C-alpha atoms as a PDB file:
ATOM      1  CA  MET A   1      83.073  78.079  96.344  1.00  0.00           C
ATOM      2  CA  ASP A   2      81.506  79.749  93.296  1.00  0.00           C
ATOM      3  CA  LYS A   3      83.168  82.723  91.642  1.00  0.00           C
ATOM      4  CA  LYS A   4      81.726  86.054  92.809  1.00  0.00           C
ATOM      5  CA  ASP A   5      81.534  89.469  91.179  1.00  0.00           C
ATOM      6  CA  ARG A   6      82.007  91.423  94.423  1.00  0.00           C
ATOM      7  CA  ILE A   7      83.502  91.110  97.886  1.00  0.00           C
ATOM      8  CA  ASP A   8      81.041  89.570 100.354  1.00  0.00           C
ATOM      9  CA  ALA A   9      81.289  89.377 104.157  1.00  0.00           C
ATOM     10  CA  PHE A  10      83.469  86.257 104.059  1.00  0.00           C
ATOM     11  CA  GLY A  11      85.787  87.829 101.500  1.00  0.00           C
ATOM     12  CA  ALA A  12      86.077  91.087 103.441  1.00  0.00           C
ATOM     13  CA  ALA A  13      86.806  89.294 106.720  1.00  0.00           C
ATOM     14  CA  SER A  14      89.361  87.043 104.986  1.00  0.00           C
ATOM     15  CA  LEU A  15      91.190  89.929 103.319  1.00  0.00           C
ATOM     16  CA  ILE A  16      91.234  92.041 106.488  1.00  0.00           C
ATOM     17  CA  GLY A  17      92.621  89.042 108.366  1.00  0.00           C
ATOM     18  CA  PHE A  18      95.229  88.422 105.673  1.00  0.00           C
ATOM     19  CA  SER A  19      96.316  92.077 105.775  1.00  0.00           C
ATOM     20  CA  ALA A  20      96.733  91.798 109.553  1.00  0.00           C
ATOM     21  CA  LEU A  21      98.739  88.589 109.058  1.00  0.00           C
ATOM     22  CA  LEU A  22     101.070  90.331 106.592  1.00  0.00           C
ATOM     23  CA  ALA A  23     101.599  93.165 109.067  1.00  0.00           C
ATOM     24  CA  PHE A  24     102.296  90.762 111.940  1.00  0.00           C
ATOM     25  CA  ASN A  25     104.645  88.960 109.577  1.00  0.00           C
ATOM     26  CA  GLN A  26     106.858  92.068 109.448  1.00  0.00           C
ATOM     27  CA  VAL A  27     107.130  92.033 113.240  1.00  0.00           C
ATOM     28  CA  ILE A  28     108.063  88.338 113.157  1.00  0.00           C
ATOM     29  CA  VAL A  29     110.815  89.052 110.619  1.00  0.00           C
ATOM     30  CA  LYS A  30     112.226  91.807 112.842  1.00  0.00           C
ATOM     31  CA  VAL A  31     112.297  89.450 115.834  1.00  0.00           C
ATOM     32  CA  VAL A  32     113.751  86.434 114.000  1.00  0.00           C
ATOM     33  CA  ASN A  33     116.475  88.616 112.447  1.00  0.00           C
ATOM     34  CA  GLU A  34     117.902  88.916 115.957  1.00  0.00           C
ATOM     35  CA  GLY A  35     118.668  85.171 115.950  1.00  0.00           C
ATOM     36  CA  LEU A  36     119.217  84.370 112.273  1.00  0.00           C
ATOM     37  CA  GLN A  37     121.000  86.331 109.582  1.00  0.00           C
ATOM     38  CA  PRO A  38     118.229  87.759 107.320  1.00  0.00           C
ATOM     39  CA  VAL A  39     119.246  86.130 104.013  1.00  0.00           C
ATOM     40  CA  PHE A  40     119.831  82.753 105.682  1.00  0.00           C
ATOM     41  CA  PHE A  41     116.449  83.135 107.390  1.00  0.00           C
ATOM     42  CA  ALA A  42     114.757  83.821 104.033  1.00  0.00           C
ATOM     43  CA  GLY A  43     116.459  80.781 102.482  1.00  0.00           C
ATOM     44  CA  LEU A  44     115.414  78.471 105.312  1.00  0.00           C
ATOM     45  CA  ARG A  45     111.868  79.766 104.983  1.00  0.00           C
ATOM     46  CA  SER A  46     111.744  78.933 101.263  1.00  0.00           C
ATOM     47  CA  LEU A  47     113.297  75.511 101.931  1.00  0.00           C
ATOM     48  CA  GLY A  48     110.672  74.741 104.560  1.00  0.00           C
ATOM     49  CA  ALA A  49     107.919  75.977 102.257  1.00  0.00           C
ATOM     50  CA  ILE A  50     109.033  73.455  99.606  1.00  0.00           C
ATOM     51  CA  VAL A  51     108.344  70.662 102.086  1.00  0.00           C
ATOM     52  CA  CYS A  52     104.974  72.128 103.101  1.00  0.00           C
ATOM     53  CA  LEU A  53     103.847  72.554  99.495  1.00  0.00           C
ATOM     54  CA  TRP A  54     105.011  69.046  98.563  1.00  0.00           C
ATOM     55  CA  LEU A  55     102.873  67.676 101.403  1.00  0.00           C
ATOM     56  CA  TRP A  56      99.952  69.837 100.211  1.00  0.00           C
ATOM     57  CA  PHE A  57     100.127  68.392  96.711  1.00  0.00           C
ATOM     58  CA  ALA A  58     100.677  64.853  97.997  1.00  0.00           C
ATOM     59  CA  LEU A  59      97.642  65.002 100.302  1.00  0.00           C
ATOM     60  CA  ARG A  60      95.488  66.254  97.433  1.00  0.00           C
ATOM     61  CA  ARG A  61      96.973  63.615  95.096  1.00  0.00           C
ATOM     62  CA  ARG A  62      98.013  66.268  92.603  1.00  0.00           C
ATOM     63  CA  PRO A  63     101.302  66.301  90.689  1.00  0.00           C
ATOM     64  CA  LEU A  64     103.496  69.361  91.090  1.00  0.00           C
ATOM     65  CA  GLY A  65     103.024  69.926  87.360  1.00  0.00           C
ATOM     66  CA  LEU A  66     106.208  71.891  86.701  1.00  0.00           C
ATOM     67  CA  ALA A  67     106.234  71.861  82.902  1.00  0.00           C
ATOM     68  CA  ARG A  68     109.419  72.306  80.879  1.00  0.00           C
ATOM     69  CA  ARG A  69     107.758  75.014  78.771  1.00  0.00           C
ATOM     70  CA  ASP A  70     107.436  77.123  81.930  1.00  0.00           C
ATOM     71  CA  LEU A  71     111.108  76.781  82.867  1.00  0.00           C
ATOM     72  CA  GLY A  72     112.132  80.270  81.740  1.00  0.00           C
ATOM     73  CA  ALA A  73     109.247  82.060  83.440  1.00  0.00           C
ATOM     74  CA  GLY A  74     109.574  79.805  86.486  1.00  0.00           C
ATOM     75  CA  LEU A  75     113.266  80.603  86.907  1.00  0.00           C
ATOM     76  CA  LEU A  76     112.539  84.307  86.482  1.00  0.00           C
ATOM     77  CA  ILE A  77     109.697  84.434  89.012  1.00  0.00           C
ATOM     78  CA  GLY A  78     111.731  82.376  91.493  1.00  0.00           C
ATOM     79  CA  THR A  79     114.756  84.654  91.105  1.00  0.00           C
ATOM     80  CA  LEU A  80     112.586  87.726  91.642  1.00  0.00           C
ATOM     81  CA  PHE A  81     111.084  86.042  94.721  1.00  0.00           C
ATOM     82  CA  ALA A  82     114.598  85.455  96.077  1.00  0.00           C
ATOM     83  CA  ALA A  83     115.582  89.068  95.392  1.00  0.00           C
ATOM     84  CA  GLU A  84     112.369  90.391  96.956  1.00  0.00           C
ATOM     85  CA  PHE A  85     112.856  88.645 100.265  1.00  0.00           C
ATOM     86  CA  LEU A  86     116.619  89.123 100.375  1.00  0.00           C
ATOM     87  CA  LEU A  87     115.956  92.865 100.079  1.00  0.00           C
ATOM     88  CA  VAL A  88     112.969  93.153 102.400  1.00  0.00           C
ATOM     89  CA  PHE A  89     114.449  90.969 105.171  1.00  0.00           C
ATOM     90  CA  ILE A  90     117.632  93.078 105.163  1.00  0.00           C
ATOM     91  CA  ALA A  91     115.509  96.243 104.993  1.00  0.00           C
ATOM     92  CA  ILE A  92     113.578  95.255 108.127  1.00  0.00           C
ATOM     93  CA  ASP A  93     116.921  94.507 109.802  1.00  0.00           C
ATOM     94  CA  LEU A  94     118.152  98.039 109.052  1.00  0.00           C
ATOM     95  CA  THR A  95     115.048 100.183 109.419  1.00  0.00           C
ATOM     96  CA  THR A  96     111.819 100.098 111.411  1.00  0.00           C
ATOM     97  CA  VAL A  97     108.874  97.829 110.652  1.00  0.00           C
ATOM     98  CA  SER A  98     106.690 100.912 110.162  1.00  0.00           C
ATOM     99  CA  ARG A  99     108.922 102.500 107.527  1.00  0.00           C
ATOM    100  CA  ALA A 100     109.730  99.229 105.748  1.00  0.00           C
ATOM    101  CA  SER A 101     106.045  98.288 105.524  1.00  0.00           C
ATOM    102  CA  ILE A 102     104.893 101.634 104.145  1.00  0.00           C
ATOM    103  CA  LEU A 103     107.556 101.481 101.428  1.00  0.00           C
ATOM    104  CA  PHE A 104     107.224  97.753 100.715  1.00  0.00           C
ATOM    105  CA  TYR A 105     103.450  97.926 100.336  1.00  0.00           C
ATOM    106  CA  SER A 106     103.800 100.692  97.778  1.00  0.00           C
ATOM    107  CA  MET A 107     104.071  97.753  95.336  1.00  0.00           C
ATOM    108  CA  PRO A 108     100.777  98.562  93.512  1.00  0.00           C
ATOM    109  CA  LEU A 109     102.318 101.905  92.531  1.00  0.00           C
ATOM    110  CA  TRP A 110     105.180 100.212  90.689  1.00  0.00           C
ATOM    111  CA  MET A 111     102.904  97.466  89.365  1.00  0.00           C
ATOM    112  CA  ALA A 112     100.550 100.039  87.831  1.00  0.00           C
ATOM    113  CA  LEU A 113     103.466 101.758  86.097  1.00  0.00           C
ATOM    114  CA  MET A 114     104.816  98.457  84.734  1.00  0.00           C
ATOM    115  CA  ALA A 115     101.366  97.294  83.637  1.00  0.00           C
ATOM    116  CA  HIS A 116     100.752 100.580  81.817  1.00  0.00           C
ATOM    117  CA  VAL A 117     103.750  99.848  79.594  1.00  0.00           C
ATOM    118  CA  LEU A 118     103.630  96.060  79.294  1.00  0.00           C
ATOM    119  CA  LEU A 119     100.036  94.836  79.736  1.00  0.00           C
ATOM    120  CA  PRO A 120      97.279  95.555  77.194  1.00  0.00           C
ATOM    121  CA  GLY A 121      94.178  97.053  78.762  1.00  0.00           C
ATOM    122  CA  GLU A 122      96.033  98.222  81.888  1.00  0.00           C
ATOM    123  CA  LYS A 123      96.468 101.879  80.962  1.00  0.00           C
ATOM    124  CA  ILE A 124      96.660 104.509  83.676  1.00  0.00           C
ATOM    125  CA  THR A 125      93.452 106.533  83.993  1.00  0.00           C
ATOM    126  CA  GLY A 126      93.117 109.980  85.535  1.00  0.00           C
ATOM    127  CA  VAL A 127      92.064 108.525  88.885  1.00  0.00           C
ATOM    128  CA  LYS A 128      94.945 106.041  88.852  1.00  0.00           C
ATOM    129  CA  ALA A 129      97.368 108.820  87.942  1.00  0.00           C
ATOM    130  CA  LEU A 130      96.279 110.779  91.017  1.00  0.00           C
ATOM    131  CA  GLY A 131      96.685 107.646  93.113  1.00  0.00           C
ATOM    132  CA  LEU A 132     100.174 107.104  91.713  1.00  0.00           C
ATOM    133  CA  LEU A 133     101.166 110.670  92.575  1.00  0.00           C
ATOM    134  CA  LEU A 134      99.860 110.343  96.132  1.00  0.00           C
ATOM    135  CA  ALA A 135     101.539 106.966  96.722  1.00  0.00           C
ATOM    136  CA  PHE A 136     104.803 108.222  95.238  1.00  0.00           C
ATOM    137  CA  ALA A 137     104.636 111.335  97.415  1.00  0.00           C
ATOM    138  CA  GLY A 138     104.114 109.115 100.451  1.00  0.00           C
ATOM    139  CA  ALA A 139     107.170 107.031  99.576  1.00  0.00           C
ATOM    140  CA  VAL A 140     109.262 110.190  99.120  1.00  0.00           C
ATOM    141  CA  VAL A 141     108.078 111.547 102.476  1.00  0.00           C
ATOM    142  CA  ALA A 142     108.968 108.279 104.218  1.00  0.00           C
ATOM    143  CA  ILE A 143     112.460 108.270 102.691  1.00  0.00           C
ATOM    144  CA  LEU A 144     113.423 111.950 102.908  1.00  0.00           C
ATOM    145  CA  TRP A 145     111.547 113.284 105.955  1.00  0.00           C
ATOM    146  CA  ARG A 146     113.650 111.565 108.571  1.00  0.00           C
ATOM    147  CA  LYS A 147     112.753 113.578 111.670  1.00  0.00           C
ATOM    148  CA  GLY A 148     112.282 111.120 114.513  1.00  0.00           C
ATOM    149  CA  ALA A 149     113.542 108.210 112.387  1.00  0.00           C
ATOM    150  CA  GLY A 150     115.890 107.131 115.170  1.00  0.00           C
ATOM    151  CA  ASP A 151     118.080 104.191 114.174  1.00  0.00           C
ATOM    152  CA  ALA A 152     116.213 103.644 110.887  1.00  0.00           C
ATOM    153  CA  SER A 153     118.729 103.782 108.048  1.00  0.00           C
ATOM    154  CA  LEU A 154     118.246 105.357 104.632  1.00  0.00           C
ATOM    155  CA  LEU A 155     119.711 102.195 103.065  1.00  0.00           C
ATOM    156  CA  GLY A 156     117.022 100.085 104.743  1.00  0.00           C
ATOM    157  CA  ASP A 157     114.293 102.362 103.367  1.00  0.00           C
ATOM    158  CA  LEU A 158     115.714 102.155  99.841  1.00  0.00           C
ATOM    159  CA  LEU A 159     116.005  98.359 100.043  1.00  0.00           C
ATOM    160  CA  ALA A 160     112.302  98.196 100.980  1.00  0.00           C
ATOM    161  CA  VAL A 161     111.468 100.138  97.797  1.00  0.00           C
ATOM    162  CA  ALA A 162     113.672  97.788  95.757  1.00  0.00           C
ATOM    163  CA  ALA A 163     111.848  94.820  97.291  1.00  0.00           C
ATOM    164  CA  ALA A 164     108.522  96.374  96.253  1.00  0.00           C
ATOM    165  CA  LEU A 165     109.815  96.641  92.674  1.00  0.00           C
ATOM    166  CA  CYS A 166     110.727  92.936  92.724  1.00  0.00           C
ATOM    167  CA  TRP A 167     107.255  92.098  94.078  1.00  0.00           C
ATOM    168  CA  ALA A 168     105.692  94.049  91.209  1.00  0.00           C
ATOM    169  CA  GLY A 169     107.925  92.119  88.815  1.00  0.00           C
ATOM    170  CA  ILE A 170     106.655  88.837  90.275  1.00  0.00           C
ATOM    171  CA  ALA A 171     103.055  89.921  89.685  1.00  0.00           C
ATOM    172  CA  LEU A 172     103.922  90.884  86.121  1.00  0.00           C
ATOM    173  CA  VAL A 173     105.587  87.531  85.365  1.00  0.00           C
ATOM    174  CA  ALA A 174     102.603  85.732  86.895  1.00  0.00           C
ATOM    175  CA  ARG A 175     100.268  87.696  84.615  1.00  0.00           C
ATOM    176  CA  LYS A 176     102.285  87.423  81.387  1.00  0.00           C
ATOM    177  CA  GLY A 177     104.375  84.267  81.639  1.00  0.00           C
ATOM    178  CA  LEU A 178     102.546  81.959  84.055  1.00  0.00           C
ATOM    179  CA  ALA A 179      98.899  82.985  83.683  1.00  0.00           C
ATOM    180  CA  HIS A 180      98.021  79.426  82.584  1.00  0.00           C
ATOM    181  CA  VAL A 181      99.662  77.906  85.703  1.00  0.00           C
ATOM    182  CA  ALA A 182      97.616  77.281  88.863  1.00  0.00           C
ATOM    183  CA  PRO A 183      98.459  79.734  91.684  1.00  0.00           C
ATOM    184  CA  ASP A 184      99.833  77.078  94.042  1.00  0.00           C
ATOM    185  CA  ARG A 185     102.125  75.810  91.276  1.00  0.00           C
ATOM    186  CA  GLN A 186     103.357  79.368  90.738  1.00  0.00           C
ATOM    187  CA  LEU A 187     104.238  79.410  94.428  1.00  0.00           C
ATOM    188  CA  VAL A 188     106.130  76.132  94.009  1.00  0.00           C
ATOM    189  CA  TRP A 189     108.280  77.736  91.290  1.00  0.00           C
ATOM    190  CA  GLN A 190     108.987  80.685  93.578  1.00  0.00           C
ATOM    191  CA  VAL A 191     110.142  78.743  96.639  1.00  0.00           C
ATOM    192  CA  LEU A 192     111.877  75.981  94.655  1.00  0.00           C
ATOM    193  CA  VAL A 193     114.077  78.451  92.794  1.00  0.00           C
ATOM    194  CA  SER A 194     114.564  80.953  95.620  1.00  0.00           C
ATOM    195  CA  ALA A 195     115.701  78.477  98.296  1.00  0.00           C
ATOM    196  CA  PRO A 196     119.065  77.513  96.708  1.00  0.00           C
ATOM    197  CA  ILE A 197     119.744  81.093  95.575  1.00  0.00           C
ATOM    198  CA  LEU A 198     119.233  82.510  99.065  1.00  0.00           C
ATOM    199  CA  LEU A 199     121.109  79.724 100.867  1.00  0.00           C
ATOM    200  CA  VAL A 200     124.115  80.054  98.522  1.00  0.00           C
ATOM    201  CA  LEU A 201     124.207  83.836  98.896  1.00  0.00           C
ATOM    202  CA  ALA A 202     123.635  83.853 102.658  1.00  0.00           C
ATOM    203  CA  PRO A 203     127.317  83.437 103.729  1.00  0.00           C
ATOM    204  CA  LEU A 204     128.162  86.635 101.849  1.00  0.00           C
ATOM    205  CA  PHE A 205     126.079  88.650 104.339  1.00  0.00           C
ATOM    206  CA  GLY A 206     127.853  87.621 107.546  1.00  0.00           C
ATOM    207  CA  PRO A 207     127.535  84.865 110.140  1.00  0.00           C
ATOM    208  CA  LEU A 208     124.468  82.703 109.600  1.00  0.00           C
ATOM    209  CA  ILE A 209     123.597  82.438 113.293  1.00  0.00           C
ATOM    210  CA  ARG A 210     123.295  85.438 115.561  1.00  0.00           C
ATOM    211  CA  ASP A 211     121.850  85.005 119.069  1.00  0.00           C
ATOM    212  CA  LEU A 212     119.577  82.057 118.297  1.00  0.00           C
ATOM    213  CA  GLN A 213     116.808  81.400 120.831  1.00  0.00           C
ATOM    214  CA  PRO A 214     113.677  79.186 120.785  1.00  0.00           C
ATOM    215  CA  ILE A 215     111.501  82.200 119.928  1.00  0.00           C
ATOM    216  CA  HIS A 216     113.453  82.663 116.698  1.00  0.00           C
ATOM    217  CA  LEU A 217     112.891  79.042 115.676  1.00  0.00           C
ATOM    218  CA  ALA A 218     109.191  79.446 116.472  1.00  0.00           C
ATOM    219  CA  GLY A 219     109.114  82.557 114.281  1.00  0.00           C
ATOM    220  CA  LEU A 220     110.799  80.665 111.445  1.00  0.00           C
ATOM    221  CA  ALA A 221     108.209  77.888 111.721  1.00  0.00           C
ATOM    222  CA  PHE A 222     105.369  80.426 111.767  1.00  0.00           C
ATOM    223  CA  GLN A 223     106.777  82.142 108.683  1.00  0.00           C
ATOM    224  CA  THR A 224     107.214  78.863 106.825  1.00  0.00           C
ATOM    225  CA  VAL A 225     103.913  77.153 107.611  1.00  0.00           C
ATOM    226  CA  VAL A 226     101.447  79.953 108.282  1.00  0.00           C
ATOM    227  CA  VAL A 227     102.653  82.873 106.166  1.00  0.00           C
ATOM    228  CA  VAL A 228     104.287  81.371 103.068  1.00  0.00           C
ATOM    229  CA  SER A 229     102.611  77.993 102.685  1.00  0.00           C
ATOM    230  CA  ALA A 230      99.104  78.559 104.066  1.00  0.00           C
ATOM    231  CA  GLY A 231      98.770  82.356 103.915  1.00  0.00           C
ATOM    232  CA  PHE A 232      99.961  82.924 100.371  1.00  0.00           C
ATOM    233  CA  ALA A 233      98.041  79.892  99.114  1.00  0.00           C
ATOM    234  CA  PHE A 234      94.876  81.206 100.795  1.00  0.00           C
ATOM    235  CA  TRP A 235      95.358  84.640  99.214  1.00  0.00           C
ATOM    236  CA  LEU A 236      95.891  83.083  95.775  1.00  0.00           C
ATOM    237  CA  TRP A 237      92.718  81.038  96.323  1.00  0.00           C
ATOM    238  CA  LEU A 238      90.786  84.216  97.129  1.00  0.00           C
ATOM    239  CA  LEU A 239      91.983  85.624  93.807  1.00  0.00           C
ATOM    240  CA  THR A 240      90.233  82.751  92.019  1.00  0.00           C
ATOM    241  CA  ILE A 241      86.928  83.628  93.737  1.00  0.00           C
ATOM    242  CA  TYR A 242      86.798  87.430  93.909  1.00  0.00           C
ATOM    243  CA  PRO A 243      87.693  90.160  91.376  1.00  0.00           C
ATOM    244  CA  ALA A 244      91.439  90.824  91.407  1.00  0.00           C
ATOM    245  CA  ALA A 245      91.007  94.609  91.676  1.00  0.00           C
ATOM    246  CA  SER A 246      88.735  94.237  94.684  1.00  0.00           C
ATOM    247  CA  VAL A 247      91.186  91.876  96.377  1.00  0.00           C
ATOM    248  CA  ALA A 248      94.075  94.254  95.673  1.00  0.00           C
ATOM    249  CA  ALA A 249      92.141  97.181  97.163  1.00  0.00           C
ATOM    250  CA  PHE A 250      92.566  95.657 100.626  1.00  0.00           C
ATOM    251  CA  SER A 251      96.371  95.925 100.320  1.00  0.00           C
ATOM    252  CA  PHE A 252      96.286  99.413 101.843  1.00  0.00           C
ATOM    253  CA  LEU A 253      95.350  97.877 105.203  1.00  0.00           C
ATOM    254  CA  ALA A 254      98.672  96.039 105.583  1.00  0.00           C
ATOM    255  CA  PRO A 255     100.849  99.127 106.230  1.00  0.00           C
ATOM    256  CA  VAL A 256      98.175 100.515 108.574  1.00  0.00           C
ATOM    257  CA  PHE A 257      98.280  97.357 110.678  1.00  0.00           C
ATOM    258  CA  ALA A 258     102.087  97.240 110.435  1.00  0.00           C
ATOM    259  CA  VAL A 259     102.523 100.764 111.799  1.00  0.00           C
ATOM    260  CA  ALA A 260     100.152  99.954 114.684  1.00  0.00           C
ATOM    261  CA  LEU A 261     101.907  96.660 115.476  1.00  0.00           C
ATOM    262  CA  GLY A 262     105.363  98.217 115.188  1.00  0.00           C
ATOM    263  CA  TRP A 263     104.297 100.798 117.770  1.00  0.00           C
ATOM    264  CA  GLY A 264     102.368  98.400 120.016  1.00  0.00           C
ATOM    265  CA  LEU A 265     104.711  95.378 120.000  1.00  0.00           C
ATOM    266  CA  LEU A 266     108.143  96.836 119.236  1.00  0.00           C
ATOM    267  CA  GLY A 267     107.812 100.310 120.734  1.00  0.00           C
ATOM    268  CA  GLU A 268     108.628 102.027 117.431  1.00  0.00           C
ATOM    269  CA  PRO A 269     107.945 105.785 117.412  1.00  0.00           C
ATOM    270  CA  ILE A 270     105.088 107.073 115.270  1.00  0.00           C
ATOM    271  CA  GLY A 271     105.996 110.627 114.359  1.00  0.00           C
ATOM    272  CA  LEU A 272     104.435 113.071 111.937  1.00  0.00           C
ATOM    273  CA  PRO A 273     106.542 111.888 108.937  1.00  0.00           C
ATOM    274  CA  ILE A 274     105.314 108.305 109.342  1.00  0.00           C
ATOM    275  CA  LEU A 275     101.693 109.387 109.668  1.00  0.00           C
ATOM    276  CA  VAL A 276     101.878 111.681 106.622  1.00  0.00           C
ATOM    277  CA  ALA A 277     103.580 108.973 104.540  1.00  0.00           C
ATOM    278  CA  LEU A 278     101.026 106.382 105.678  1.00  0.00           C
ATOM    279  CA  VAL A 279      98.047 108.582 104.755  1.00  0.00           C
ATOM    280  CA  LEU A 280      99.487 109.457 101.341  1.00  0.00           C
ATOM    281  CA  VAL A 281     100.415 105.870 100.441  1.00  0.00           C
ATOM    282  CA  CYS A 282      97.083 104.439 101.605  1.00  0.00           C
ATOM    283  CA  ALA A 283      95.089 107.120  99.751  1.00  0.00           C
ATOM    284  CA  GLY A 284      97.134 106.425  96.648  1.00  0.00           C
ATOM    285  CA  LEU A 285      96.616 102.671  96.878  1.00  0.00           C
ATOM    286  CA  ILE A 286      92.860 103.125  97.248  1.00  0.00           C
ATOM    287  CA  LEU A 287      92.726 105.239  94.074  1.00  0.00           C
ATOM    288  CA  ILE A 288      95.066 102.910  92.148  1.00  0.00           C
ATOM    289  CA  ASN A 289      92.866  99.916  92.990  1.00  0.00           C
ATOM    290  CA  ARG A 290      89.567 101.758  92.554  1.00  0.00           C
ATOM    291  CA  GLN A 291      87.204 100.148  90.068  1.00  0.00           C
ATOM    292  CA  VAL A 292      85.819 102.640  87.575  1.00  0.00           C
ATOM    293  CA  PRO A 293      82.230 101.844  86.503  1.00  0.00           C
ATOM    294  CA  GLN A 294      82.003 100.871  82.838  1.00  0.00           C
ATOM    295  CA  LYS A 295      79.922 103.146  80.601  1.00  0.00           C
ATOM    296  CA  VAL A 296      76.962 101.513  78.913  1.00  0.00           C
END
């Protein structure tokens, strides 16, 4: 498909579908955590993704292409990937899907702040600054306004924010250290490095098996094949076709879908704090990702 300068109908439908998949993914994590310890679950997912990606490259007759010159950046992005999913899987175990998703998908807020300091040409404009303030206010509301939070723990909320910081770090490494590496090869670095880290650390977080049932194994397979291997690769492919800012603008839909699915599938309460936080974060993300017309 040829590169495009704007989102067309196919792109919009794809990105809306991907946002819904990411939201459903949070529900799957919550369910599978009942049968598998979260860190062990994350490690198994990365291990399975290695196999899926190897098959992908083999079928396309492409070498993995992991160059020695990329070792440092590859180890860093893989370590951040391990930290991201260690944190977010535990966060979803401790708090609700709704709260974890709102905080986790605040990632563009932290990415914009990092890019302002570290990436040339990524300075924060007035509109972005307003978006940052709104998104930050939404995160604060989600963490501190705990009326109706139920069993959701403050630690789980904070771990979701930490996971978002790691996700922003991954995006930064991809932009600065691995920009010359094809997106699917970047994903190979992430799962190849994260799998052993997560599997080695897993015993430190308690028994590896909880109340394992077939539904948990099905969720693990779905995560491995559909979300990590196919879903992330599809999203990275979309980035090669459509403008990155336009693709990123659809990220605000993920927490919206997640709150709805958490309520509809898991029976999570949707109180005023969640709704206020959701509106603030989504408004902030829209402004952060807004494209400002160039003056001529």
